């Protein structure tokens, strides 16, 4: 199953019909509308997912349109239930390796993103929480992405 899911990216087939890749025509219209408004430095925030991600955004002509940060739903079911910790880790590695837009992804943890913005850059801390069933929990940063804003474009550092 892991190989089948990740191979879809190699063939340009959406691996998830409920994401950007599942709506190519709508995504392209959004990018066109953004470009017509003079915006090609989009910072898209997505959430309520089953994984974290940091993606690049490109239109069909391969032009950079910005970046996307995706956060998990804190109580969303984990893929670990089906694949186990090692299987989910392997899925993340394969998914990233076969999908050029994915800079980083993590399906093992649940939490939120702490985002700091200024005119020159952004910093996104992907923060995992230890549990959602008690009032006592611990949080920790599992990954950090820095994003540069220069020359009218956003890029991961």
C-alpha atoms as a PDB file:
ATOM      1  CA  UNK A   1       0.000   0.000   0.000  1.00  0.00           C
ATOM      2  CA  UNK A   2       2.809   2.444   0.835  1.00  0.00           C
ATOM      3  CA  UNK A   3       4.503   1.861  -2.524  1.00  0.00           C
ATOM      4  CA  UNK A   4       1.232   2.279  -4.417  1.00  0.00           C
ATOM      5  CA  UNK A   5       0.406   5.581  -2.721  1.00  0.00           C
ATOM      6  CA  UNK A   6       3.826   7.096  -3.252  1.00  0.00           C
ATOM      7  CA  UNK A   7       4.111   5.895  -6.868  1.00  0.00           C
ATOM      8  CA  UNK A   8       1.071   7.995  -7.748  1.00  0.00           C
ATOM      9  CA  UNK A   9       3.256  11.092  -7.352  1.00  0.00           C
ATOM     10  CA  UNK A  10       5.779   9.707  -9.840  1.00  0.00           C
ATOM     11  CA  UNK A  11       3.052   9.536 -12.497  1.00  0.00           C
ATOM     12  CA  UNK A  12       1.519  12.914 -11.731  1.00  0.00           C
ATOM     13  CA  UNK A  13      -1.620  11.299 -10.341  1.00  0.00           C
ATOM     14  CA  UNK A  14      -3.079  12.973  -7.221  1.00  0.00           C
ATOM     15  CA  UNK A  15      -2.277  10.870  -4.180  1.00  0.00           C
ATOM     16  CA  UNK A  16      -5.013  12.603  -2.204  1.00  0.00           C
ATOM     17  CA  UNK A  17      -8.169  13.873  -3.878  1.00  0.00           C
ATOM     18  CA  UNK A  18      -8.916  16.036  -0.834  1.00  0.00           C
ATOM     19  CA  UNK A  19      -5.856  18.270  -1.219  1.00  0.00           C
ATOM     20  CA  UNK A  20      -4.283  20.726  -3.674  1.00  0.00           C
ATOM     21  CA  UNK A  21      -3.286  17.892  -5.993  1.00  0.00           C
ATOM     22  CA  UNK A  22      -6.876  16.675  -6.139  1.00  0.00           C
ATOM     23  CA  UNK A  23      -8.176  19.930  -7.654  1.00  0.00           C
ATOM     24  CA  UNK A  24      -5.740  20.897 -10.419  1.00  0.00           C
ATOM     25  CA  UNK A  25      -8.138  23.133 -12.398  1.00  0.00           C
ATOM     26  CA  UNK A  26      -9.306  25.036  -9.302  1.00  0.00           C
ATOM     27  CA  UNK A  27      -5.732  25.383  -8.062  1.00  0.00           C
ATOM     28  CA  UNK A  28      -4.625  26.812 -11.414  1.00  0.00           C
ATOM     29  CA  UNK A  29      -7.534  29.308 -11.426  1.00  0.00           C
ATOM     30  CA  UNK A  30      -6.511  30.412  -7.935  1.00  0.00           C
ATOM     31  CA  UNK A  31      -2.909  30.902  -9.062  1.00  0.00           C
ATOM     32  CA  UNK A  32      -4.029  32.815 -12.173  1.00  0.00           C
ATOM     33  CA  UNK A  33      -6.261  35.092 -10.085  1.00  0.00           C
ATOM     34  CA  UNK A  34      -3.372  35.670  -7.681  1.00  0.00           C
ATOM     35  CA  UNK A  35      -0.945  36.514 -10.491  1.00  0.00           C
ATOM     36  CA  UNK A  36      -3.479  38.887 -12.067  1.00  0.00           C
ATOM     37  CA  UNK A  37      -3.601  40.682  -8.701  1.00  0.00           C
ATOM     38  CA  UNK A  38       0.210  40.892  -8.665  1.00  0.00           C
ATOM     39  CA  UNK A  39       0.728  38.183  -6.043  1.00  0.00           C
ATOM     40  CA  UNK A  40       3.172  35.342  -6.554  1.00  0.00           C
ATOM     41  CA  UNK A  41       4.378  35.247  -2.955  1.00  0.00           C
ATOM     42  CA  UNK A  42       1.526  33.272  -1.430  1.00  0.00           C
ATOM     43  CA  UNK A  43       1.774  31.856   2.076  1.00  0.00           C
ATOM     44  CA  UNK A  44      -1.009  29.291   2.259  1.00  0.00           C
ATOM     45  CA  UNK A  45      -1.973  27.867   5.647  1.00  0.00           C
ATOM     46  CA  UNK A  46      -3.804  24.543   5.612  1.00  0.00           C
ATOM     47  CA  UNK A  47      -5.051  22.529   8.518  1.00  0.00           C
ATOM     48  CA  UNK A  48      -7.192  19.819  10.012  1.00  0.00           C
ATOM     49  CA  UNK A  49      -5.095  17.235   8.247  1.00  0.00           C
ATOM     50  CA  UNK A  50      -3.655  13.886   9.263  1.00  0.00           C
ATOM     51  CA  UNK A  51      -0.094  15.107   8.781  1.00  0.00           C
ATOM     52  CA  UNK A  52       2.172  18.130   8.849  1.00  0.00           C
ATOM     53  CA  UNK A  53       3.743  19.403   5.650  1.00  0.00           C
ATOM     54  CA  UNK A  54       5.826  22.156   4.116  1.00  0.00           C
ATOM     55  CA  UNK A  55       5.232  22.387   0.367  1.00  0.00           C
ATOM     56  CA  UNK A  56       6.301  24.601  -2.475  1.00  0.00           C
ATOM     57  CA  UNK A  57       3.543  25.944  -4.707  1.00  0.00           C
ATOM     58  CA  UNK A  58       4.008  26.087  -8.479  1.00  0.00           C
ATOM     59  CA  UNK A  59       1.591  26.793 -11.278  1.00  0.00           C
ATOM     60  CA  UNK A  60       1.309  24.539 -14.333  1.00  0.00           C
ATOM     61  CA  UNK A  61       4.103  26.492 -16.043  1.00  0.00           C
ATOM     62  CA  UNK A  62       6.463  25.664 -13.164  1.00  0.00           C
ATOM     63  CA  UNK A  63       6.529  29.248 -11.859  1.00  0.00           C
ATOM     64  CA  UNK A  64       6.858  29.623  -8.106  1.00  0.00           C
ATOM     65  CA  UNK A  65       3.662  30.844  -6.479  1.00  0.00           C
ATOM     66  CA  UNK A  66       4.751  30.596  -2.845  1.00  0.00           C
ATOM     67  CA  UNK A  67       4.706  28.075  -0.051  1.00  0.00           C
ATOM     68  CA  UNK A  68       2.175  26.084   1.922  1.00  0.00           C
ATOM     69  CA  UNK A  69       2.308  25.063   5.565  1.00  0.00           C
ATOM     70  CA  UNK A  70      -0.026  22.294   6.656  1.00  0.00           C
ATOM     71  CA  UNK A  71      -0.913  21.383  10.201  1.00  0.00           C
ATOM     72  CA  UNK A  72      -2.502  18.334  11.677  1.00  0.00           C
ATOM     73  CA  UNK A  73      -5.819  18.224  13.406  1.00  0.00           C
ATOM     74  CA  UNK A  74      -4.857  17.751  17.034  1.00  0.00           C
ATOM     75  CA  UNK A  75      -7.390  14.945  17.484  1.00  0.00           C
ATOM     76  CA  UNK A  76      -7.300  13.540  13.926  1.00  0.00           C
ATOM     77  CA  UNK A  77      -6.671   9.814  13.665  1.00  0.00           C
ATOM     78  CA  UNK A  78      -3.080   8.879  13.128  1.00  0.00           C
ATOM     79  CA  UNK A  79      -1.807   6.824  10.207  1.00  0.00           C
ATOM     80  CA  UNK A  80       0.180   4.977  12.868  1.00  0.00           C
ATOM     81  CA  UNK A  81      -2.965   2.970  13.584  1.00  0.00           C
ATOM     82  CA  UNK A  82      -2.691   1.341  10.156  1.00  0.00           C
ATOM     83  CA  UNK A  83       1.066   1.348   9.506  1.00  0.00           C
ATOM     84  CA  UNK A  84       2.785   1.592  12.902  1.00  0.00           C
ATOM     85  CA  UNK A  85       5.508   4.134  13.725  1.00  0.00           C
ATOM     86  CA  UNK A  86       8.108   2.732  11.341  1.00  0.00           C
ATOM     87  CA  UNK A  87       5.609   2.291   8.496  1.00  0.00           C
ATOM     88  CA  UNK A  88       4.406   5.890   8.807  1.00  0.00           C
ATOM     89  CA  UNK A  89       7.992   7.151   8.893  1.00  0.00           C
ATOM     90  CA  UNK A  90       8.736   5.157   5.730  1.00  0.00           C
ATOM     91  CA  UNK A  91       5.570   6.513   4.066  1.00  0.00           C
ATOM     92  CA  UNK A  92       6.647  10.088   4.833  1.00  0.00           C
ATOM     93  CA  UNK A  93      10.092   9.475   3.300  1.00  0.00           C
ATOM     94  CA  UNK A  94       8.634   7.870   0.161  1.00  0.00           C
ATOM     95  CA  UNK A  95       5.948  10.540  -0.198  1.00  0.00           C
ATOM     96  CA  UNK A  96       8.553  13.297  -0.031  1.00  0.00           C
ATOM     97  CA  UNK A  97      10.940  11.507  -2.386  1.00  0.00           C
ATOM     98  CA  UNK A  98       8.304  11.010  -5.089  1.00  0.00           C
ATOM     99  CA  UNK A  99       6.497  14.369  -4.873  1.00  0.00           C
ATOM    100  CA  UNK A 100       8.634  17.329  -5.936  1.00  0.00           C
ATOM    101  CA  UNK A 101       6.524  19.917  -4.097  1.00  0.00           C
ATOM    102  CA  UNK A 102       6.956  18.349  -0.651  1.00  0.00           C
ATOM    103  CA  UNK A 103       9.857  19.891   1.253  1.00  0.00           C
ATOM    104  CA  UNK A 104       9.026  18.122   4.535  1.00  0.00           C
ATOM    105  CA  UNK A 105       6.191  15.995   5.883  1.00  0.00           C
ATOM    106  CA  UNK A 106       5.385  14.153   9.121  1.00  0.00           C
ATOM    107  CA  UNK A 107       2.403  11.879   9.673  1.00  0.00           C
ATOM    108  CA  UNK A 108       3.511  10.607  13.073  1.00  0.00           C
ATOM    109  CA  UNK A 109       2.743  13.611  15.273  1.00  0.00           C
ATOM    110  CA  UNK A 110      -0.329  15.706  16.130  1.00  0.00           C
ATOM    111  CA  UNK A 111      -0.257  19.341  17.143  1.00  0.00           C
ATOM    112  CA  UNK A 112      -0.164  22.822  15.656  1.00  0.00           C
ATOM    113  CA  UNK A 113       2.080  25.389  13.950  1.00  0.00           C
ATOM    114  CA  UNK A 114       3.450  28.464  15.670  1.00  0.00           C
ATOM    115  CA  UNK A 115       4.070  31.019  12.919  1.00  0.00           C
ATOM    116  CA  UNK A 116       6.153  34.182  13.298  1.00  0.00           C
ATOM    117  CA  UNK A 117       5.985  36.704  10.432  1.00  0.00           C
ATOM    118  CA  UNK A 118       7.709  39.907   9.422  1.00  0.00           C
ATOM    119  CA  UNK A 119       8.280  41.572   6.035  1.00  0.00           C
ATOM    120  CA  UNK A 120      11.546  39.745   5.358  1.00  0.00           C
ATOM    121  CA  UNK A 121      10.896  36.231   6.591  1.00  0.00           C
ATOM    122  CA  UNK A 122       8.680  33.749   8.369  1.00  0.00           C
ATOM    123  CA  UNK A 123       9.470  31.059  10.893  1.00  0.00           C
ATOM    124  CA  UNK A 124       7.172  28.068  11.331  1.00  0.00           C
ATOM    125  CA  UNK A 125       7.594  25.755  14.310  1.00  0.00           C
ATOM    126  CA  UNK A 126       5.703  22.481  13.971  1.00  0.00           C
ATOM    127  CA  UNK A 127       4.738  21.666  17.558  1.00  0.00           C
ATOM    128  CA  UNK A 128       3.573  18.222  18.652  1.00  0.00           C
ATOM    129  CA  UNK A 129       1.584  17.513  21.777  1.00  0.00           C
ATOM    130  CA  UNK A 130       1.946  14.289  23.707  1.00  0.00           C
ATOM    131  CA  UNK A 131      -1.748  13.445  24.113  1.00  0.00           C
ATOM    132  CA  UNK A 132      -5.285  14.804  23.879  1.00  0.00           C
ATOM    133  CA  UNK A 133      -7.026  12.595  26.416  1.00  0.00           C
ATOM    134  CA  UNK A 134      -5.896  14.329  29.614  1.00  0.00           C
ATOM    135  CA  UNK A 135      -5.393  17.934  30.682  1.00  0.00           C
ATOM    136  CA  UNK A 136      -1.745  17.159  31.336  1.00  0.00           C
ATOM    137  CA  UNK A 137       0.356  17.069  28.199  1.00  0.00           C
ATOM    138  CA  UNK A 138       3.761  18.052  26.935  1.00  0.00           C
ATOM    139  CA  UNK A 139       4.580  19.940  23.772  1.00  0.00           C
ATOM    140  CA  UNK A 140       7.760  19.979  21.719  1.00  0.00           C
ATOM    141  CA  UNK A 141       8.991  21.341  18.425  1.00  0.00           C
ATOM    142  CA  UNK A 142       9.409  18.483  15.936  1.00  0.00           C
ATOM    143  CA  UNK A 143      10.501  20.634  12.990  1.00  0.00           C
ATOM    144  CA  UNK A 144      11.183  24.257  12.044  1.00  0.00           C
ATOM    145  CA  UNK A 145      11.017  25.862   8.606  1.00  0.00           C
ATOM    146  CA  UNK A 146      12.336  29.317   7.774  1.00  0.00           C
ATOM    147  CA  UNK A 147      10.896  31.135   4.773  1.00  0.00           C
ATOM    148  CA  UNK A 148      12.624  34.012   2.994  1.00  0.00           C
ATOM    149  CA  UNK A 149      10.666  36.851   1.384  1.00  0.00           C
ATOM    150  CA  UNK A 150      12.760  38.490  -1.323  1.00  0.00           C
ATOM    151  CA  UNK A 151      12.358  39.563  -4.941  1.00  0.00           C
ATOM    152  CA  UNK A 152       8.575  39.083  -4.737  1.00  0.00           C
ATOM    153  CA  UNK A 153       8.843  35.377  -3.927  1.00  0.00           C
ATOM    154  CA  UNK A 154       8.784  33.136  -0.875  1.00  0.00           C
ATOM    155  CA  UNK A 155      11.393  30.405  -0.554  1.00  0.00           C
ATOM    156  CA  UNK A 156      12.347  27.906   2.121  1.00  0.00           C
ATOM    157  CA  UNK A 157      15.820  28.539   3.528  1.00  0.00           C
END
